[in-house]
N, C-alpha and C. Protein backbone atom coordinates (compact mmCIF):
# COMPACT_ATOMS: atom_id res chain seq x y z
N MET A 1 127.75 170.43 148.42
CA MET A 1 126.52 169.69 148.71
C MET A 1 126.09 168.85 148.01
N LEU A 2 125.76 168.87 146.94
CA LEU A 2 125.61 168.00 145.60
C LEU A 2 126.57 167.19 145.28
N PRO A 3 127.63 166.90 145.34
CA PRO A 3 128.44 165.27 145.46
C PRO A 3 128.06 164.83 146.58
N GLU A 4 127.40 165.33 147.62
CA GLU A 4 127.08 164.32 148.54
C GLU A 4 125.59 163.68 148.72
N LEU A 5 125.03 164.62 147.95
CA LEU A 5 123.49 163.87 147.78
C LEU A 5 123.20 163.20 146.38
N MET A 6 124.42 163.36 145.26
CA MET A 6 123.97 163.11 144.07
C MET A 6 125.03 161.64 144.10
N GLY A 7 125.95 161.59 144.91
CA GLY A 7 126.95 160.63 144.49
C GLY A 7 128.41 160.71 143.60
N LYS A 8 129.50 160.75 144.03
CA LYS A 8 130.59 160.81 143.46
C LYS A 8 130.92 160.51 142.21
N GLU A 9 130.12 159.33 141.92
CA GLU A 9 130.25 158.87 140.68
C GLU A 9 129.72 159.44 139.36
N PHE A 10 128.85 160.52 139.80
CA PHE A 10 128.36 161.15 138.54
C PHE A 10 129.39 162.48 138.28
N TYR A 11 129.97 162.69 139.73
CA TYR A 11 130.95 163.57 139.35
C TYR A 11 132.42 163.23 138.90
N GLY A 12 132.56 162.06 139.16
CA GLY A 12 133.45 161.40 138.65
C GLY A 12 134.05 161.39 137.38
N LYS A 13 132.65 161.28 136.70
CA LYS A 13 132.30 160.76 135.26
C LYS A 13 131.72 162.24 134.46
N LYS A 14 131.88 163.17 135.29
CA LYS A 14 131.70 164.66 134.71
C LYS A 14 130.22 164.60 134.22
N LYS A 15 128.86 164.01 134.82
CA LYS A 15 127.97 163.66 134.49
C LYS A 15 127.61 165.04 135.66
N TYR A 16 126.95 166.06 135.52
CA TYR A 16 126.67 166.86 136.65
C TYR A 16 125.36 167.12 136.57
N PRO A 17 124.53 167.85 137.59
CA PRO A 17 123.03 167.50 137.69
C PRO A 17 122.76 169.03 136.71
N CYS A 18 121.70 168.80 135.89
CA CYS A 18 120.87 169.90 134.73
C CYS A 18 120.00 170.38 135.87
N PRO A 19 119.67 171.89 136.53
CA PRO A 19 118.63 172.54 136.49
C PRO A 19 117.59 172.89 136.02
N ILE A 20 116.23 172.29 135.91
CA ILE A 20 115.63 172.20 135.15
C ILE A 20 114.20 172.67 135.99
N LYS A 21 112.97 173.06 135.05
CA LYS A 21 111.70 173.97 135.82
C LYS A 21 111.11 172.62 135.51
N VAL A 22 110.10 172.40 136.73
CA VAL A 22 109.32 170.78 136.27
C VAL A 22 107.83 171.69 136.73
N HIS A 23 107.48 172.47 137.35
CA HIS A 23 106.29 173.08 137.97
C HIS A 23 105.90 174.02 137.35
N GLY A 24 104.52 174.42 137.25
CA GLY A 24 104.10 175.47 136.92
C GLY A 24 103.90 175.68 135.42
N PHE A 25 103.37 174.44 135.01
CA PHE A 25 103.39 174.11 133.38
C PHE A 25 101.85 173.77 132.94
N ASP A 26 101.21 174.70 132.37
CA ASP A 26 99.29 174.27 132.09
C ASP A 26 99.29 172.97 131.22
N SER A 27 99.98 172.14 130.54
CA SER A 27 99.68 170.81 130.21
C SER A 27 100.93 170.12 130.55
N PRO A 28 100.55 168.86 130.13
CA PRO A 28 101.68 167.71 130.50
C PRO A 28 102.76 167.90 128.96
N LYS A 29 101.96 168.11 128.14
CA LYS A 29 102.85 168.24 126.70
C LYS A 29 103.85 169.21 126.94
N GLU A 30 103.66 170.53 127.52
CA GLU A 30 104.80 171.39 127.73
C GLU A 30 105.60 171.08 128.88
N LEU A 31 105.62 170.21 129.45
CA LEU A 31 106.43 169.75 130.79
C LEU A 31 107.55 168.54 129.77
N GLU A 32 106.77 167.84 128.83
CA GLU A 32 107.24 166.83 128.11
C GLU A 32 108.59 167.84 127.23
N LYS A 33 108.04 168.71 126.79
CA LYS A 33 109.04 169.39 125.75
C LYS A 33 110.17 169.96 126.63
N GLN A 34 109.83 170.23 127.74
CA GLN A 34 111.09 171.16 128.64
C GLN A 34 111.85 169.95 129.32
N LEU A 35 111.13 168.62 129.52
CA LEU A 35 112.58 167.47 129.87
C LEU A 35 112.98 166.95 128.58
N ASN A 36 112.86 167.23 127.34
CA ASN A 36 112.58 166.41 126.20
C ASN A 36 114.02 167.84 125.73
N ASP A 37 113.76 168.86 126.04
CA ASP A 37 115.10 169.73 125.69
C ASP A 37 115.95 169.56 126.50
N ALA A 38 115.89 169.64 127.60
CA ALA A 38 117.38 169.38 128.46
C ALA A 38 117.79 168.27 128.34
N ALA A 39 116.97 166.88 128.16
CA ALA A 39 118.07 165.91 127.54
C ALA A 39 118.64 165.94 126.40
N ALA A 40 118.08 166.63 125.49
CA ALA A 40 118.70 166.60 124.56
C ALA A 40 119.95 167.90 124.12
N SER A 41 120.12 168.96 125.17
CA SER A 41 120.76 169.94 125.50
C SER A 41 122.56 169.58 126.28
N THR A 42 123.28 170.12 125.91
CA THR A 42 124.71 170.18 126.55
C THR A 42 124.77 170.95 127.46
N PHE A 43 125.52 171.14 128.27
CA PHE A 43 126.04 172.35 129.19
C PHE A 43 127.53 172.83 129.19
N PHE A 44 127.65 173.81 129.28
CA PHE A 44 128.88 174.41 129.70
C PHE A 44 129.54 174.91 130.79
N ALA A 45 130.45 174.13 131.25
CA ALA A 45 131.00 174.35 132.74
C ALA A 45 132.56 175.04 132.47
N LEU A 46 132.46 176.01 133.44
CA LEU A 46 133.80 176.84 133.18
C LEU A 46 134.95 175.62 134.02
N GLY A 47 135.95 175.73 133.92
CA GLY A 47 136.83 174.73 134.48
C GLY A 47 137.68 175.87 135.54
N ASN A 48 138.69 175.33 136.13
CA ASN A 48 139.87 175.85 136.92
C ASN A 48 141.01 177.05 136.32
N GLY A 49 141.15 176.08 135.24
CA GLY A 49 141.94 177.07 134.28
C GLY A 49 141.61 177.53 132.72
N PRO A 50 142.47 177.98 132.32
CA PRO A 50 142.06 178.81 131.13
C PRO A 50 141.07 178.04 130.00
N ASN A 51 141.46 177.31 130.20
CA ASN A 51 140.70 176.17 128.64
C ASN A 51 139.47 175.90 129.30
N TYR A 52 138.49 175.96 128.50
CA TYR A 52 136.87 175.57 128.61
C TYR A 52 136.44 174.61 127.43
N SER A 53 135.86 173.82 127.76
CA SER A 53 135.08 172.78 126.43
C SER A 53 133.71 172.38 126.53
N VAL A 54 133.29 172.42 125.60
CA VAL A 54 131.79 172.07 125.71
C VAL A 54 131.63 171.09 124.53
N ARG A 55 130.79 169.98 124.39
CA ARG A 55 130.39 169.05 123.37
C ARG A 55 129.12 169.54 122.58
N VAL A 56 129.58 169.62 121.24
CA VAL A 56 128.35 170.15 120.51
C VAL A 56 127.68 169.15 119.69
N GLY A 57 127.99 167.99 119.54
CA GLY A 57 127.29 166.65 118.85
C GLY A 57 127.77 165.39 119.04
N LYS A 58 127.27 164.47 118.35
CA LYS A 58 127.69 163.45 118.55
C LYS A 58 127.98 162.61 117.40
N THR A 59 128.82 161.74 117.06
CA THR A 59 129.26 161.29 115.56
C THR A 59 128.12 160.93 114.95
N PHE A 60 126.96 160.03 115.36
CA PHE A 60 125.41 160.12 114.74
C PHE A 60 125.03 160.79 113.99
N GLN A 61 125.19 162.26 114.24
CA GLN A 61 124.45 163.26 113.87
C GLN A 61 124.93 163.34 112.67
N LYS A 62 124.32 164.33 111.86
CA LYS A 62 124.21 164.96 110.27
C LYS A 62 125.01 165.87 110.61
N GLU A 63 126.03 166.37 109.16
CA GLU A 63 127.07 167.52 109.58
C GLU A 63 126.37 168.75 109.65
N LYS A 64 125.19 168.98 109.07
CA LYS A 64 124.16 170.39 109.08
C LYS A 64 123.98 170.55 110.81
N ASP A 65 123.65 169.48 111.49
CA ASP A 65 123.10 169.45 112.80
C ASP A 65 124.48 170.01 113.55
N ILE A 66 125.41 169.06 113.33
CA ILE A 66 126.66 169.60 114.22
C ILE A 66 126.87 171.09 113.65
N GLY A 67 127.28 171.25 112.51
CA GLY A 67 127.26 172.87 112.48
C GLY A 67 126.36 173.88 112.90
N LYS A 68 125.36 173.61 112.77
CA LYS A 68 124.47 174.26 113.65
C LYS A 68 124.89 174.54 114.99
N ASN A 69 124.87 173.53 115.68
CA ASN A 69 125.38 173.53 117.37
C ASN A 69 126.57 173.79 117.14
N THR A 70 127.66 173.83 116.63
CA THR A 70 129.13 174.66 117.12
C THR A 70 128.62 175.76 116.73
N LEU A 71 128.17 176.36 115.89
CA LEU A 71 127.72 178.02 115.65
C LEU A 71 127.14 178.37 117.09
N ASP A 72 125.72 177.79 117.03
CA ASP A 72 125.37 178.50 118.50
C ASP A 72 126.05 177.99 119.78
N CYS A 73 126.80 176.92 119.88
CA CYS A 73 127.51 177.07 121.26
C CYS A 73 128.65 177.91 121.13
N LEU A 74 129.32 178.08 119.98
CA LEU A 74 130.51 178.77 120.25
C LEU A 74 129.97 180.33 120.52
N GLY A 75 128.73 181.18 119.81
CA GLY A 75 128.24 182.09 120.38
C GLY A 75 128.41 182.24 122.17
N GLN A 76 127.51 181.35 122.47
CA GLN A 76 127.03 180.98 124.00
C GLN A 76 128.24 181.17 124.64
N ALA A 77 129.04 180.05 124.26
CA ALA A 77 130.39 179.93 125.43
C ALA A 77 131.16 181.15 125.40
N ILE A 78 131.36 181.96 124.10
CA ILE A 78 132.27 183.17 123.96
C ILE A 78 131.58 184.37 124.95
N ALA A 79 130.37 184.45 124.49
CA ALA A 79 129.60 185.61 125.42
C ALA A 79 129.51 185.27 126.92
N TYR A 80 129.67 183.84 127.32
CA TYR A 80 129.38 183.72 128.69
C TYR A 80 131.12 183.83 129.31
N ALA A 81 132.22 183.22 128.52
CA ALA A 81 133.68 183.54 129.04
C ALA A 81 134.27 184.58 129.01
N THR A 82 133.54 185.67 127.91
CA THR A 82 133.99 186.88 127.94
C THR A 82 133.43 188.07 129.13
N VAL A 83 132.37 187.50 129.25
CA VAL A 83 131.20 188.36 130.22
C VAL A 83 131.77 187.96 131.89
N HIS A 84 131.70 186.70 131.99
CA HIS A 84 131.90 186.27 133.34
C HIS A 84 133.61 186.46 133.98
N ASP A 85 134.37 186.14 132.74
CA ASP A 85 135.93 186.08 133.25
C ASP A 85 136.51 187.58 133.07
N GLU A 86 135.65 188.40 133.05
CA GLU A 86 136.07 190.08 132.63
C GLU A 86 137.22 190.32 131.49
N ILE A 87 136.89 189.31 130.38
CA ILE A 87 137.85 189.80 129.22
C ILE A 87 137.39 189.99 128.18
N ASP A 88 138.50 190.88 127.38
CA ASP A 88 137.55 191.31 126.12
C ASP A 88 138.04 189.88 124.81
N PHE A 89 137.27 190.23 123.95
CA PHE A 89 137.54 188.85 122.83
C PHE A 89 139.11 188.62 122.27
N GLU A 90 139.58 189.84 122.20
CA GLU A 90 141.12 189.68 121.72
C GLU A 90 141.71 188.94 122.77
N SER A 91 141.35 188.83 123.85
CA SER A 91 142.07 187.79 124.90
C SER A 91 141.99 186.21 124.65
N ILE A 92 141.02 185.98 123.88
CA ILE A 92 140.78 184.71 123.60
C ILE A 92 141.93 183.97 122.59
N SER A 93 142.49 183.23 122.72
CA SER A 93 144.04 182.97 122.03
C SER A 93 143.65 181.85 121.14
N GLN A 94 142.96 181.20 121.50
CA GLN A 94 142.68 179.87 120.19
C GLN A 94 141.15 179.03 120.52
N ILE A 95 140.89 178.91 119.44
CA ILE A 95 139.65 178.03 119.78
C ILE A 95 139.89 176.73 118.44
N THR A 96 139.78 175.45 119.25
CA THR A 96 140.07 174.35 118.62
C THR A 96 138.73 173.28 118.77
N MET A 97 138.67 172.42 118.08
CA MET A 97 137.65 171.24 117.80
C MET A 97 138.58 170.05 117.69
N ARG A 98 137.72 169.15 117.88
CA ARG A 98 138.18 167.77 118.44
C ARG A 98 137.42 166.62 118.42
N VAL A 99 137.19 165.49 117.85
CA VAL A 99 136.71 164.28 117.68
C VAL A 99 136.72 163.20 118.44
N GLY A 100 136.43 162.63 119.33
CA GLY A 100 136.86 161.72 120.21
C GLY A 100 137.96 161.94 121.04
N SER A 101 139.04 160.91 120.48
CA SER A 101 140.23 161.11 121.09
C SER A 101 141.30 161.72 120.01
N SER A 102 140.64 162.55 119.08
CA SER A 102 141.60 163.16 117.95
C SER A 102 142.31 164.04 118.57
N PRO A 103 143.52 164.75 117.89
CA PRO A 103 143.96 165.71 118.03
C PRO A 103 142.79 167.01 117.69
N GLU A 104 143.43 167.95 118.44
CA GLU A 104 142.44 169.63 118.46
C GLU A 104 143.19 169.93 117.31
N LEU A 105 141.87 170.48 116.50
CA LEU A 105 142.20 171.02 115.16
C LEU A 105 141.81 172.61 115.55
N PRO A 106 142.78 173.51 114.79
CA PRO A 106 142.46 174.85 115.19
C PRO A 106 141.23 175.51 114.57
N VAL A 107 140.35 176.27 115.14
CA VAL A 107 139.42 177.01 114.21
C VAL A 107 139.78 178.14 114.40
N TYR A 108 140.26 179.19 115.58
CA TYR A 108 140.57 180.41 115.25
C TYR A 108 141.84 180.34 116.42
N ASN A 109 142.86 181.37 115.86
CA ASN A 109 144.22 181.40 116.50
C ASN A 109 144.27 183.29 116.81
N ASN A 110 144.31 183.59 117.68
CA ASN A 110 144.53 185.29 117.69
C ASN A 110 145.61 185.36 118.32
N PHE A 111 146.65 185.63 117.13
CA PHE A 111 148.35 185.82 117.54
C PHE A 111 148.85 187.19 117.56
N THR A 112 149.31 187.22 118.51
CA THR A 112 149.66 188.76 118.93
C THR A 112 151.39 189.10 117.86
N GLU A 113 151.50 190.35 117.84
CA GLU A 113 152.65 190.93 116.82
C GLU A 113 153.68 190.16 117.22
N ALA A 114 154.06 189.80 118.61
CA ALA A 114 155.25 189.39 118.62
C ALA A 114 155.34 187.65 118.42
N ASP A 115 154.03 186.98 118.57
CA ASP A 115 153.69 185.81 118.06
C ASP A 115 153.97 185.77 116.04
N LEU A 116 153.76 187.00 115.93
CA LEU A 116 153.93 186.66 114.09
C LEU A 116 155.27 186.94 113.85
N THR A 117 155.99 187.90 114.62
CA THR A 117 157.46 187.78 114.49
C THR A 117 158.41 186.83 114.51
N ALA A 118 158.05 186.50 115.89
CA ALA A 118 158.77 184.98 116.17
C ALA A 118 158.25 183.75 115.23
N TYR A 119 157.25 183.90 114.26
CA TYR A 119 157.16 182.84 113.64
C TYR A 119 157.50 183.28 112.34
N MET A 120 157.46 184.19 111.99
CA MET A 120 158.42 184.54 110.65
C MET A 120 159.92 184.79 110.54
N GLN A 121 160.65 184.65 112.03
CA GLN A 121 162.09 184.52 112.24
C GLN A 121 162.56 182.88 111.93
N ASP A 122 161.74 182.31 112.08
CA ASP A 122 162.14 180.57 112.35
C ASP A 122 162.54 180.10 111.14
């Protein structure tokens, strides 16, 4: 229903609508804070496959801010993925990071005993 109402251009560019509460605030400042928080946030959308991605920063941000965003985001994304996919943390095989169109850099790898044995034999 939303693609027809919002327009396919938004969905084609992966610009999904973000539901936010805009009523029931005691002051305009509270509404302003809610809108600013939503504008400065990111979203985590589950795809159709086993890979998920989320943006944690922009290149103009300070390293400290990107690091904080990454830690906060990883905790939320892993909690969401492991609960909603009914998998445990051990079944997450890899966490990678990338900037722009760079190659993915591994942050975490969960190798099975068979993986390690195959690697050692090469």
